[in-house]
């Protein structure tokens, strides 16, 4: 059975021959780990079940000084495209021809993140409360751009899923009330999810923080995979019990406690505990709760990989 098939089984909440994994690592952490890789590239060494693919996308070309002050900006929000579409489509076709891994296009920045990148997060949160008309107009402009680019992305051959996301929470609570999220964030998110689903692809979402209050909404909206599922601020056993039959979890192994500060044996014990809890009846993609950084010792990364690879031939 291929990695692609095993990941698809997990997302369908079916028990596969093993638990799939998708572990990402920052550049400085990889440099520290590289001596253990035996000359292999990062992709070859980790051999994830999910292949990450970055799509052409868009960014801001605006007057930063005007946009990051507390008052509303007076200059227009100009955008610029980046990336090579032909190169993207050719790379997708080559990946699809292999047929071995689940192909996930990583986009991340949805409309809330794009808005607070333009204004600064404190200013945009203030806009949402004090200048809602401006905030809605900016969010709608971003969604219009996202939808146009997503349509081009989804025309590519061999995509299995698309990762979107914005950070909606702190480790204490949401950055905004659920009512504000419903009014300003949910409509645009729903448009994106519906577009991805219309192409028959899975919707993955990344949102850091304690976002428990949004999970029933995300389920209703048709979300397939949620990341990073931070165990420092969310009860993962409760999440699995209440929503594990509807959502697939990607992450949940602490990058704040056990991975940087535990022993390799601690890592093995915790990684197996999380894996066995969240993968019952499918619905889990094994991973740390965030990309591995250079505070995680190489011995602990090796212990994590040892558990990830269990059952893999």
C-alpha atoms as a PDB file:
ATOM      1  CA  UNK A   1       0.000   0.000   0.000  1.00  0.00           C
ATOM      2  CA  UNK A   2       1.371   3.423  -0.934  1.00  0.00           C
ATOM      3  CA  UNK A   3       1.830   6.394   1.385  1.00  0.00           C
ATOM      4  CA  UNK A   4      -0.911   8.203  -0.541  1.00  0.00           C
ATOM      5  CA  UNK A   5      -3.379   5.401   0.133  1.00  0.00           C
ATOM      6  CA  UNK A   6      -2.459   5.256   3.835  1.00  0.00           C
ATOM      7  CA  UNK A   7      -2.950   9.017   4.274  1.00  0.00           C
ATOM      8  CA  UNK A   8      -6.282   8.892   2.461  1.00  0.00           C
ATOM      9  CA  UNK A   9      -7.410   6.046   4.728  1.00  0.00           C
ATOM     10  CA  UNK A  10      -6.530   8.116   7.808  1.00  0.00           C
ATOM     11  CA  UNK A  11      -8.496  11.116   6.505  1.00  0.00           C
ATOM     12  CA  UNK A  12     -11.473   8.837   5.830  1.00  0.00           C
ATOM     13  CA  UNK A  13     -11.217   7.578   9.435  1.00  0.00           C
ATOM     14  CA  UNK A  14     -10.239   4.103   8.410  1.00  0.00           C
ATOM     15  CA  UNK A  15      -7.596   2.014  10.157  1.00  0.00           C
ATOM     16  CA  UNK A  16      -4.659   1.479   7.846  1.00  0.00           C
ATOM     17  CA  UNK A  17      -1.641  -0.817   8.069  1.00  0.00           C
ATOM     18  CA  UNK A  18       0.208   1.926  10.010  1.00  0.00           C
ATOM     19  CA  UNK A  19      -0.173   5.558  11.053  1.00  0.00           C
ATOM     20  CA  UNK A  20       1.020   8.009   8.384  1.00  0.00           C
ATOM     21  CA  UNK A  21       3.412  10.808   9.316  1.00  0.00           C
ATOM     22  CA  UNK A  22       4.255  14.286   8.057  1.00  0.00           C
ATOM     23  CA  UNK A  23       7.093  15.894  10.032  1.00  0.00           C
ATOM     24  CA  UNK A  24       8.442  19.321   9.070  1.00  0.00           C
ATOM     25  CA  UNK A  25      11.697  20.862  10.269  1.00  0.00           C
ATOM     26  CA  UNK A  26      13.207  24.353  10.264  1.00  0.00           C
ATOM     27  CA  UNK A  27      16.451  24.980   8.422  1.00  0.00           C
ATOM     28  CA  UNK A  28      18.653  25.430  11.482  1.00  0.00           C
ATOM     29  CA  UNK A  29      17.341  22.233  13.078  1.00  0.00           C
ATOM     30  CA  UNK A  30      18.016  20.353   9.840  1.00  0.00           C
ATOM     31  CA  UNK A  31      21.609  21.625   9.794  1.00  0.00           C
ATOM     32  CA  UNK A  32      22.129  20.131  13.273  1.00  0.00           C
ATOM     33  CA  UNK A  33      20.512  16.860  12.220  1.00  0.00           C
ATOM     34  CA  UNK A  34      22.189  16.567   8.821  1.00  0.00           C
ATOM     35  CA  UNK A  35      25.236  14.604  10.106  1.00  0.00           C
ATOM     36  CA  UNK A  36      22.783  11.813  11.034  1.00  0.00           C
ATOM     37  CA  UNK A  37      21.287  11.731   7.531  1.00  0.00           C
ATOM     38  CA  UNK A  38      24.061   9.763   5.830  1.00  0.00           C
ATOM     39  CA  UNK A  39      24.263  12.123   2.887  1.00  0.00           C
ATOM     40  CA  UNK A  40      20.531  12.021   2.150  1.00  0.00           C
ATOM     41  CA  UNK A  41      18.544  15.154   1.379  1.00  0.00           C
ATOM     42  CA  UNK A  42      15.983  16.336   3.906  1.00  0.00           C
ATOM     43  CA  UNK A  43      13.113  14.875   1.846  1.00  0.00           C
ATOM     44  CA  UNK A  44      14.896  11.554   1.412  1.00  0.00           C
ATOM     45  CA  UNK A  45      15.798  11.306   5.080  1.00  0.00           C
ATOM     46  CA  UNK A  46      12.370  12.049   6.521  1.00  0.00           C
ATOM     47  CA  UNK A  47      10.511  10.193   3.747  1.00  0.00           C
ATOM     48  CA  UNK A  48       7.174  11.635   4.854  1.00  0.00           C
ATOM     49  CA  UNK A  49       3.935  10.094   3.672  1.00  0.00           C
ATOM     50  CA  UNK A  50       2.811  13.569   2.585  1.00  0.00           C
ATOM     51  CA  UNK A  51       4.702  15.452  -0.115  1.00  0.00           C
ATOM     52  CA  UNK A  52       4.607  19.213   0.459  1.00  0.00           C
ATOM     53  CA  UNK A  53       4.276  21.374  -2.640  1.00  0.00           C
ATOM     54  CA  UNK A  54       4.376  25.170  -2.639  1.00  0.00           C
ATOM     55  CA  UNK A  55       2.159  26.952  -5.160  1.00  0.00           C
ATOM     56  CA  UNK A  56       2.577  30.340  -6.817  1.00  0.00           C
ATOM     57  CA  UNK A  57       0.697  32.864  -4.712  1.00  0.00           C
ATOM     58  CA  UNK A  58       0.460  36.569  -4.006  1.00  0.00           C
ATOM     59  CA  UNK A  59       1.672  39.112  -1.488  1.00  0.00           C
ATOM     60  CA  UNK A  60       1.431  42.777  -0.649  1.00  0.00           C
ATOM     61  CA  UNK A  61       3.056  45.643  -2.524  1.00  0.00           C
ATOM     62  CA  UNK A  62       1.852  48.465  -0.299  1.00  0.00           C
ATOM     63  CA  UNK A  63       3.305  51.438   1.567  1.00  0.00           C
ATOM     64  CA  UNK A  64       4.225  49.796   4.841  1.00  0.00           C
ATOM     65  CA  UNK A  65       4.486  53.043   6.816  1.00  0.00           C
ATOM     66  CA  UNK A  66       0.976  54.088   5.882  1.00  0.00           C
ATOM     67  CA  UNK A  67      -0.497  50.643   6.503  1.00  0.00           C
ATOM     68  CA  UNK A  68       1.084  49.835   9.868  1.00  0.00           C
ATOM     69  CA  UNK A  69       0.054  53.025  11.672  1.00  0.00           C
ATOM     70  CA  UNK A  70      -2.974  52.950  13.971  1.00  0.00           C
ATOM     71  CA  UNK A  71      -5.124  55.215  11.783  1.00  0.00           C
ATOM     72  CA  UNK A  72      -6.719  53.780   8.678  1.00  0.00           C
ATOM     73  CA  UNK A  73      -4.409  53.771   5.661  1.00  0.00           C
ATOM     74  CA  UNK A  74      -4.859  56.343   2.933  1.00  0.00           C
ATOM     75  CA  UNK A  75      -3.081  54.406   0.171  1.00  0.00           C
ATOM     76  CA  UNK A  76      -4.638  51.464  -1.715  1.00  0.00           C
ATOM     77  CA  UNK A  77      -3.819  47.857  -0.858  1.00  0.00           C
ATOM     78  CA  UNK A  78      -1.774  46.857  -3.881  1.00  0.00           C
ATOM     79  CA  UNK A  79      -0.857  43.235  -4.496  1.00  0.00           C
ATOM     80  CA  UNK A  80       1.816  41.401  -6.425  1.00  0.00           C
ATOM     81  CA  UNK A  81       1.990  37.829  -7.696  1.00  0.00           C
ATOM     82  CA  UNK A  82       4.980  35.536  -7.289  1.00  0.00           C
ATOM     83  CA  UNK A  83       5.980  32.089  -8.506  1.00  0.00           C
ATOM     84  CA  UNK A  84       6.098  30.221 -11.803  1.00  0.00           C
ATOM     85  CA  UNK A  85       2.863  28.522 -12.836  1.00  0.00           C
ATOM     86  CA  UNK A  86       4.380  26.298 -15.520  1.00  0.00           C
ATOM     87  CA  UNK A  87       7.039  25.114 -13.107  1.00  0.00           C
ATOM     88  CA  UNK A  88       4.324  24.410 -10.538  1.00  0.00           C
ATOM     89  CA  UNK A  89       2.201  22.391 -12.977  1.00  0.00           C
ATOM     90  CA  UNK A  90       5.212  20.466 -14.263  1.00  0.00           C
ATOM     91  CA  UNK A  91       6.282  19.649 -10.713  1.00  0.00           C
ATOM     92  CA  UNK A  92       2.790  18.458  -9.842  1.00  0.00           C
ATOM     93  CA  UNK A  93       2.669  16.207 -12.873  1.00  0.00           C
ATOM     94  CA  UNK A  94       6.046  14.699 -12.012  1.00  0.00           C
ATOM     95  CA  UNK A  95       4.904  14.097  -8.421  1.00  0.00           C
ATOM     96  CA  UNK A  96       1.625  12.601  -9.590  1.00  0.00           C
ATOM     97  CA  UNK A  97       3.367  10.284 -12.043  1.00  0.00           C
ATOM     98  CA  UNK A  98       5.235   8.724  -9.117  1.00  0.00           C
ATOM     99  CA  UNK A  99       1.909   7.972  -7.426  1.00  0.00           C
ATOM    100  CA  UNK A 100       3.602   7.187  -4.146  1.00  0.00           C
ATOM    101  CA  UNK A 101       2.800  10.022  -1.765  1.00  0.00           C
ATOM    102  CA  UNK A 102      -0.149  12.217  -0.825  1.00  0.00           C
ATOM    103  CA  UNK A 103       0.393  15.570  -2.566  1.00  0.00           C
ATOM    104  CA  UNK A 104      -0.528  18.541  -0.375  1.00  0.00           C
ATOM    105  CA  UNK A 105      -0.216  22.108  -1.623  1.00  0.00           C
ATOM    106  CA  UNK A 106       0.895  24.364   1.223  1.00  0.00           C
ATOM    107  CA  UNK A 107      -0.538  27.885   1.156  1.00  0.00           C
ATOM    108  CA  UNK A 108      -1.123  28.776   4.824  1.00  0.00           C
ATOM    109  CA  UNK A 109      -2.009  32.503   4.681  1.00  0.00           C
ATOM    110  CA  UNK A 110      -5.758  32.941   4.411  1.00  0.00           C
ATOM    111  CA  UNK A 111      -7.601  36.248   4.766  1.00  0.00           C
ATOM    112  CA  UNK A 112      -7.186  36.976   8.488  1.00  0.00           C
ATOM    113  CA  UNK A 113      -3.436  36.386   8.294  1.00  0.00           C
ATOM    114  CA  UNK A 114      -3.094  38.379   5.082  1.00  0.00           C
ATOM    115  CA  UNK A 115      -4.987  41.255   6.671  1.00  0.00           C
ATOM    116  CA  UNK A 116      -2.895  41.387   9.815  1.00  0.00           C
ATOM    117  CA  UNK A 117       0.297  41.073   7.759  1.00  0.00           C
ATOM    118  CA  UNK A 118      -0.750  44.259   5.968  1.00  0.00           C
ATOM    119  CA  UNK A 119      -1.868  46.242   9.018  1.00  0.00           C
ATOM    120  CA  UNK A 120       0.031  44.617  11.881  1.00  0.00           C
ATOM    121  CA  UNK A 121      -1.955  42.294  14.110  1.00  0.00           C
ATOM    122  CA  UNK A 122      -2.755  44.842  16.840  1.00  0.00           C
ATOM    123  CA  UNK A 123      -3.979  47.384  14.305  1.00  0.00           C
ATOM    124  CA  UNK A 124      -6.132  44.874  12.452  1.00  0.00           C
ATOM    125  CA  UNK A 125      -7.723  43.518  15.621  1.00  0.00           C
ATOM    126  CA  UNK A 126      -8.542  47.134  16.479  1.00  0.00           C
ATOM    127  CA  UNK A 127      -9.950  47.584  12.959  1.00  0.00           C
ATOM    128  CA  UNK A 128     -12.253  44.606  13.452  1.00  0.00           C
ATOM    129  CA  UNK A 129     -13.638  46.165  16.606  1.00  0.00           C
ATOM    130  CA  UNK A 130     -13.565  49.864  15.754  1.00  0.00           C
ATOM    131  CA  UNK A 131     -13.598  50.038  11.951  1.00  0.00           C
ATOM    132  CA  UNK A 132     -15.585  46.956  10.930  1.00  0.00           C
ATOM    133  CA  UNK A 133     -16.525  48.320   7.497  1.00  0.00           C
ATOM    134  CA  UNK A 134     -12.853  48.760   6.595  1.00  0.00           C
ATOM    135  CA  UNK A 135     -11.974  45.353   8.061  1.00  0.00           C
ATOM    136  CA  UNK A 136     -14.700  43.580   6.076  1.00  0.00           C
ATOM    137  CA  UNK A 137     -13.681  45.349   2.875  1.00  0.00           C
ATOM    138  CA  UNK A 138     -10.046  44.291   3.303  1.00  0.00           C
ATOM    139  CA  UNK A 139     -10.984  40.701   4.158  1.00  0.00           C
ATOM    140  CA  UNK A 140     -13.278  40.487   1.122  1.00  0.00           C
ATOM    141  CA  UNK A 141     -10.545  41.827  -1.165  1.00  0.00           C
ATOM    142  CA  UNK A 142      -8.187  39.133   0.127  1.00  0.00           C
ATOM    143  CA  UNK A 143     -10.749  36.378  -0.370  1.00  0.00           C
ATOM    144  CA  UNK A 144     -11.390  37.541  -3.927  1.00  0.00           C
ATOM    145  CA  UNK A 145      -7.650  37.284  -4.627  1.00  0.00           C
ATOM    146  CA  UNK A 146      -7.375  33.932  -2.860  1.00  0.00           C
ATOM    147  CA  UNK A 147     -10.262  32.452  -4.809  1.00  0.00           C
ATOM    148  CA  UNK A 148      -8.745  33.463  -8.139  1.00  0.00           C
ATOM    149  CA  UNK A 149      -5.361  31.998  -7.216  1.00  0.00           C
ATOM    150  CA  UNK A 150      -6.888  28.863  -5.676  1.00  0.00           C
ATOM    151  CA  UNK A 151      -8.759  28.189  -8.900  1.00  0.00           C
ATOM    152  CA  UNK A 152      -5.448  28.255 -10.766  1.00  0.00           C
ATOM    153  CA  UNK A 153      -3.783  26.053  -8.136  1.00  0.00           C
ATOM    154  CA  UNK A 154      -6.549  23.465  -8.215  1.00  0.00           C
ATOM    155  CA  UNK A 155      -6.301  23.183 -11.993  1.00  0.00           C
ATOM    156  CA  UNK A 156      -3.031  21.339 -11.419  1.00  0.00           C
ATOM    157  CA  UNK A 157      -2.861  17.588 -11.922  1.00  0.00           C
ATOM    158  CA  UNK A 158      -2.411  15.274  -8.948  1.00  0.00           C
ATOM    159  CA  UNK A 159      -3.308  17.431  -5.939  1.00  0.00           C
ATOM    160  CA  UNK A 160      -4.769  15.495  -3.018  1.00  0.00           C
ATOM    161  CA  UNK A 161      -5.208  18.306  -0.505  1.00  0.00           C
ATOM    162  CA  UNK A 162      -4.658  22.011   0.136  1.00  0.00           C
ATOM    163  CA  UNK A 163      -3.380  23.492   3.389  1.00  0.00           C
ATOM    164  CA  UNK A 164      -4.833  26.888   4.304  1.00  0.00           C
ATOM    165  CA  UNK A 165      -4.664  28.672   7.592  1.00  0.00           C
ATOM    166  CA  UNK A 166      -4.404  31.636   9.889  1.00  0.00           C
ATOM    167  CA  UNK A 167      -3.644  31.718  13.594  1.00  0.00           C
ATOM    168  CA  UNK A 168      -6.928  32.472  15.364  1.00  0.00           C
ATOM    169  CA  UNK A 169      -5.858  31.747  18.927  1.00  0.00           C
ATOM    170  CA  UNK A 170      -3.418  32.397  21.716  1.00  0.00           C
ATOM    171  CA  UNK A 171      -2.613  29.685  24.233  1.00  0.00           C
ATOM    172  CA  UNK A 172      -5.304  31.164  26.479  1.00  0.00           C
ATOM    173  CA  UNK A 173      -8.256  31.741  24.149  1.00  0.00           C
ATOM    174  CA  UNK A 174      -9.314  33.054  20.745  1.00  0.00           C
ATOM    175  CA  UNK A 175      -7.940  36.345  19.429  1.00  0.00           C
ATOM    176  CA  UNK A 176     -11.520  37.459  18.836  1.00  0.00           C
ATOM    177  CA  UNK A 177     -14.966  36.434  20.013  1.00  0.00           C
ATOM    178  CA  UNK A 178     -16.680  33.528  18.269  1.00  0.00           C
ATOM    179  CA  UNK A 179     -19.349  36.016  17.131  1.00  0.00           C
ATOM    180  CA  UNK A 180     -16.759  38.193  15.388  1.00  0.00           C
ATOM    181  CA  UNK A 181     -15.163  35.089  13.849  1.00  0.00           C
ATOM    182  CA  UNK A 182     -18.580  34.012  12.565  1.00  0.00           C
ATOM    183  CA  UNK A 183     -19.246  37.417  11.042  1.00  0.00           C
ATOM    184  CA  UNK A 184     -15.873  38.321   9.569  1.00  0.00           C
ATOM    185  CA  UNK A 185     -13.815  35.144   9.158  1.00  0.00           C
ATOM    186  CA  UNK A 186     -16.190  32.265   8.561  1.00  0.00           C
ATOM    187  CA  UNK A 187     -17.778  33.422   5.276  1.00  0.00           C
ATOM    188  CA  UNK A 188     -14.447  33.729   3.478  1.00  0.00           C
ATOM    189  CA  UNK A 189     -13.121  30.487   4.933  1.00  0.00           C
ATOM    190  CA  UNK A 190     -16.275  28.716   3.777  1.00  0.00           C
ATOM    191  CA  UNK A 191     -15.804  29.978   0.227  1.00  0.00           C
ATOM    192  CA  UNK A 192     -12.261  28.611   0.162  1.00  0.00           C
ATOM    193  CA  UNK A 193     -13.241  25.233   1.645  1.00  0.00           C
ATOM    194  CA  UNK A 194     -16.126  24.870  -0.785  1.00  0.00           C
ATOM    195  CA  UNK A 195     -13.893  25.655  -3.750  1.00  0.00           C
ATOM    196  CA  UNK A 196     -11.285  23.079  -2.701  1.00  0.00           C
ATOM    197  CA  UNK A 197     -13.999  20.474  -2.134  1.00  0.00           C
ATOM    198  CA  UNK A 198     -15.579  21.255  -5.512  1.00  0.00           C
ATOM    199  CA  UNK A 199     -12.386  19.907  -7.078  1.00  0.00           C
ATOM    200  CA  UNK A 200     -12.607  16.763  -4.943  1.00  0.00           C
ATOM    201  CA  UNK A 201      -9.630  17.701  -2.748  1.00  0.00           C
ATOM    202  CA  UNK A 202      -9.210  17.626   1.028  1.00  0.00           C
ATOM    203  CA  UNK A 203      -9.113  20.841   3.064  1.00  0.00           C
ATOM    204  CA  UNK A 204      -6.306  21.122   5.606  1.00  0.00           C
ATOM    205  CA  UNK A 205      -6.158  24.082   8.011  1.00  0.00           C
ATOM    206  CA  UNK A 206      -3.420  25.341  10.298  1.00  0.00           C
ATOM    207  CA  UNK A 207      -4.343  27.508  13.272  1.00  0.00           C
ATOM    208  CA  UNK A 208      -2.156  27.818  16.325  1.00  0.00           C
ATOM    209  CA  UNK A 209      -3.575  28.307  19.790  1.00  0.00           C
ATOM    210  CA  UNK A 210      -6.582  27.352  21.841  1.00  0.00           C
ATOM    211  CA  UNK A 211      -9.314  27.239  19.229  1.00  0.00           C
ATOM    212  CA  UNK A 212     -11.619  24.687  20.875  1.00  0.00           C
ATOM    213  CA  UNK A 213     -14.617  27.017  20.482  1.00  0.00           C
ATOM    214  CA  UNK A 214     -14.226  26.985  16.717  1.00  0.00           C
ATOM    215  CA  UNK A 215     -13.905  23.248  16.209  1.00  0.00           C
ATOM    216  CA  UNK A 216     -17.671  22.530  15.992  1.00  0.00           C
ATOM    217  CA  UNK A 217     -17.878  25.295  13.386  1.00  0.00           C
ATOM    218  CA  UNK A 218     -14.947  23.894  11.414  1.00  0.00           C
ATOM    219  CA  UNK A 219     -16.599  20.480  11.429  1.00  0.00           C
ATOM    220  CA  UNK A 220     -19.837  21.991  10.109  1.00  0.00           C
ATOM    221  CA  UNK A 221     -17.861  23.800   7.408  1.00  0.00           C
ATOM    222  CA  UNK A 222     -16.444  20.516   6.133  1.00  0.00           C
ATOM    223  CA  UNK A 223     -12.837  20.757   7.302  1.00  0.00           C
ATOM    224  CA  UNK A 224     -10.912  17.527   6.801  1.00  0.00           C
ATOM    225  CA  UNK A 225      -7.561  17.965   8.606  1.00  0.00           C
ATOM    226  CA  UNK A 226      -6.650  20.306  11.490  1.00  0.00           C
ATOM    227  CA  UNK A 227      -3.163  21.329  12.608  1.00  0.00           C
ATOM    228  CA  UNK A 228      -1.247  21.831  14.928  1.00  0.00           C
ATOM    229  CA  UNK A 229      -3.526  20.663  17.797  1.00  0.00           C
ATOM    230  CA  UNK A 230      -1.383  22.119  20.580  1.00  0.00           C
ATOM    231  CA  UNK A 231      -1.445  19.865  23.665  1.00  0.00           C
ATOM    232  CA  UNK A 232      -0.234  22.730  25.866  1.00  0.00           C
ATOM    233  CA  UNK A 233      -3.587  24.455  25.533  1.00  0.00           C
ATOM    234  CA  UNK A 234      -6.068  21.864  24.270  1.00  0.00           C
ATOM    235  CA  UNK A 235      -7.289  18.572  25.708  1.00  0.00           C
ATOM    236  CA  UNK A 236      -6.432  16.180  22.894  1.00  0.00           C
ATOM    237  CA  UNK A 237      -8.263  13.249  24.501  1.00  0.00           C
ATOM    238  CA  UNK A 238     -11.447  15.331  24.601  1.00  0.00           C
ATOM    239  CA  UNK A 239     -10.937  16.449  21.001  1.00  0.00           C
ATOM    240  CA  UNK A 240     -10.541  12.853  19.853  1.00  0.00           C
ATOM    241  CA  UNK A 241     -13.597  11.701  21.798  1.00  0.00           C
ATOM    242  CA  UNK A 242     -15.897  14.505  20.619  1.00  0.00           C
ATOM    243  CA  UNK A 243     -14.674  15.200  17.085  1.00  0.00           C
ATOM    244  CA  UNK A 244     -12.263  12.410  16.137  1.00  0.00           C
ATOM    245  CA  UNK A 245     -14.864  10.707  13.968  1.00  0.00           C
ATOM    246  CA  UNK A 246     -15.207  13.868  11.859  1.00  0.00           C
ATOM    247  CA  UNK A 247     -11.791  15.549  11.896  1.00  0.00           C
ATOM    248  CA  UNK A 248      -8.331  14.225  11.214  1.00  0.00           C
ATOM    249  CA  UNK A 249      -5.616  15.610  13.480  1.00  0.00           C
ATOM    250  CA  UNK A 250      -2.114  16.464  12.278  1.00  0.00           C
ATOM    251  CA  UNK A 251       0.373  17.269  15.048  1.00  0.00           C
ATOM    252  CA  UNK A 252      -0.224  17.186  18.833  1.00  0.00           C
ATOM    253  CA  UNK A 253       3.236  16.017  20.002  1.00  0.00           C
ATOM    254  CA  UNK A 254       4.524  18.874  22.135  1.00  0.00           C
ATOM    255  CA  UNK A 255       7.303  21.067  20.783  1.00  0.00           C
ATOM    256  CA  UNK A 256       7.243  23.112  23.997  1.00  0.00           C
ATOM    257  CA  UNK A 257       7.898  20.396  26.564  1.00  0.00           C
ATOM    258  CA  UNK A 258       8.851  16.838  25.724  1.00  0.00           C
ATOM    259  CA  UNK A 259      10.658  17.374  22.420  1.00  0.00           C
ATOM    260  CA  UNK A 260      13.024  20.158  23.510  1.00  0.00           C
ATOM    261  CA  UNK A 261      13.395  19.190  27.174  1.00  0.00           C
ATOM    262  CA  UNK A 262      12.715  15.462  27.487  1.00  0.00           C
ATOM    263  CA  UNK A 263      15.065  12.540  27.014  1.00  0.00           C
ATOM    264  CA  UNK A 264      14.874  10.345  23.898  1.00  0.00           C
ATOM    265  CA  UNK A 265      12.994   7.783  26.002  1.00  0.00           C
ATOM    266  CA  UNK A 266      10.545  10.499  27.104  1.00  0.00           C
ATOM    267  CA  UNK A 267       9.990  11.357  23.446  1.00  0.00           C
ATOM    268  CA  UNK A 268       9.318   7.728  22.498  1.00  0.00           C
ATOM    269  CA  UNK A 269       6.826   7.259  25.338  1.00  0.00           C
ATOM    270  CA  UNK A 270       4.928  10.496  24.633  1.00  0.00           C
ATOM    271  CA  UNK A 271       4.955  10.042  20.855  1.00  0.00           C
ATOM    272  CA  UNK A 272       3.488   6.551  21.166  1.00  0.00           C
ATOM    273  CA  UNK A 273       0.899   7.747  23.675  1.00  0.00           C
ATOM    274  CA  UNK A 274      -0.304  10.545  21.382  1.00  0.00           C
ATOM    275  CA  UNK A 275      -0.197   8.316  18.300  1.00  0.00           C
ATOM    276  CA  UNK A 276      -2.181   5.514  19.932  1.00  0.00           C
ATOM    277  CA  UNK A 277      -4.751   7.950  21.341  1.00  0.00           C
ATOM    278  CA  UNK A 278      -5.397   9.987  18.209  1.00  0.00           C
ATOM    279  CA  UNK A 279      -5.091   7.213  15.617  1.00  0.00           C
ATOM    280  CA  UNK A 280      -7.792   4.952  17.043  1.00  0.00           C
ATOM    281  CA  UNK A 281     -10.169   4.184  14.143  1.00  0.00           C
ATOM    282  CA  UNK A 282      -8.030   6.370  11.860  1.00  0.00           C
ATOM    283  CA  UNK A 283      -8.032  10.143  11.803  1.00  0.00           C
ATOM    284  CA  UNK A 284      -4.434  10.966  12.722  1.00  0.00           C
ATOM    285  CA  UNK A 285      -1.319  12.055  10.849  1.00  0.00           C
ATOM    286  CA  UNK A 286       1.658  11.706  13.171  1.00  0.00           C
ATOM    287  CA  UNK A 287       3.705  14.884  13.732  1.00  0.00           C
ATOM    288  CA  UNK A 288       5.001  17.344  16.293  1.00  0.00           C
ATOM    289  CA  UNK A 289       2.667  20.231  17.012  1.00  0.00           C
ATOM    290  CA  UNK A 290       4.935  22.681  15.156  1.00  0.00           C
ATOM    291  CA  UNK A 291       7.883  22.479  12.779  1.00  0.00           C
ATOM    292  CA  UNK A 292      10.935  21.161  14.640  1.00  0.00           C
ATOM    293  CA  UNK A 293      13.258  23.983  15.673  1.00  0.00           C
ATOM    294  CA  UNK A 294      16.872  23.997  16.803  1.00  0.00           C
ATOM    295  CA  UNK A 295      15.952  23.738  20.495  1.00  0.00           C
ATOM    296  CA  UNK A 296      15.046  20.075  19.862  1.00  0.00           C
ATOM    297  CA  UNK A 297      18.170  17.908  20.279  1.00  0.00           C
ATOM    298  CA  UNK A 298      19.046  15.670  17.317  1.00  0.00           C
ATOM    299  CA  UNK A 299      18.760  12.602  19.582  1.00  0.00           C
ATOM    300  CA  UNK A 300      15.139  13.549  20.304  1.00  0.00           C
ATOM    301  CA  UNK A 301      14.386  14.047  16.622  1.00  0.00           C
ATOM    302  CA  UNK A 302      15.803  10.596  15.917  1.00  0.00           C
ATOM    303  CA  UNK A 303      13.613   9.136  18.681  1.00  0.00           C
ATOM    304  CA  UNK A 304      10.554  10.849  17.157  1.00  0.00           C
ATOM    305  CA  UNK A 305      11.399   9.450  13.736  1.00  0.00           C
ATOM    306  CA  UNK A 306      11.873   5.999  15.208  1.00  0.00           C
ATOM    307  CA  UNK A 307       8.276   6.032  16.431  1.00  0.00           C
ATOM    308  CA  UNK A 308       6.993   7.598  13.210  1.00  0.00           C
ATOM    309  CA  UNK A 309       8.560   4.803  11.165  1.00  0.00           C
ATOM    310  CA  UNK A 310       7.196   1.949  13.246  1.00  0.00           C
ATOM    311  CA  UNK A 311       5.344  -0.446  10.979  1.00  0.00           C
ATOM    312  CA  UNK A 312       6.956   0.985   7.843  1.00  0.00           C
ATOM    313  CA  UNK A 313       8.841  -1.484   5.660  1.00  0.00           C
END
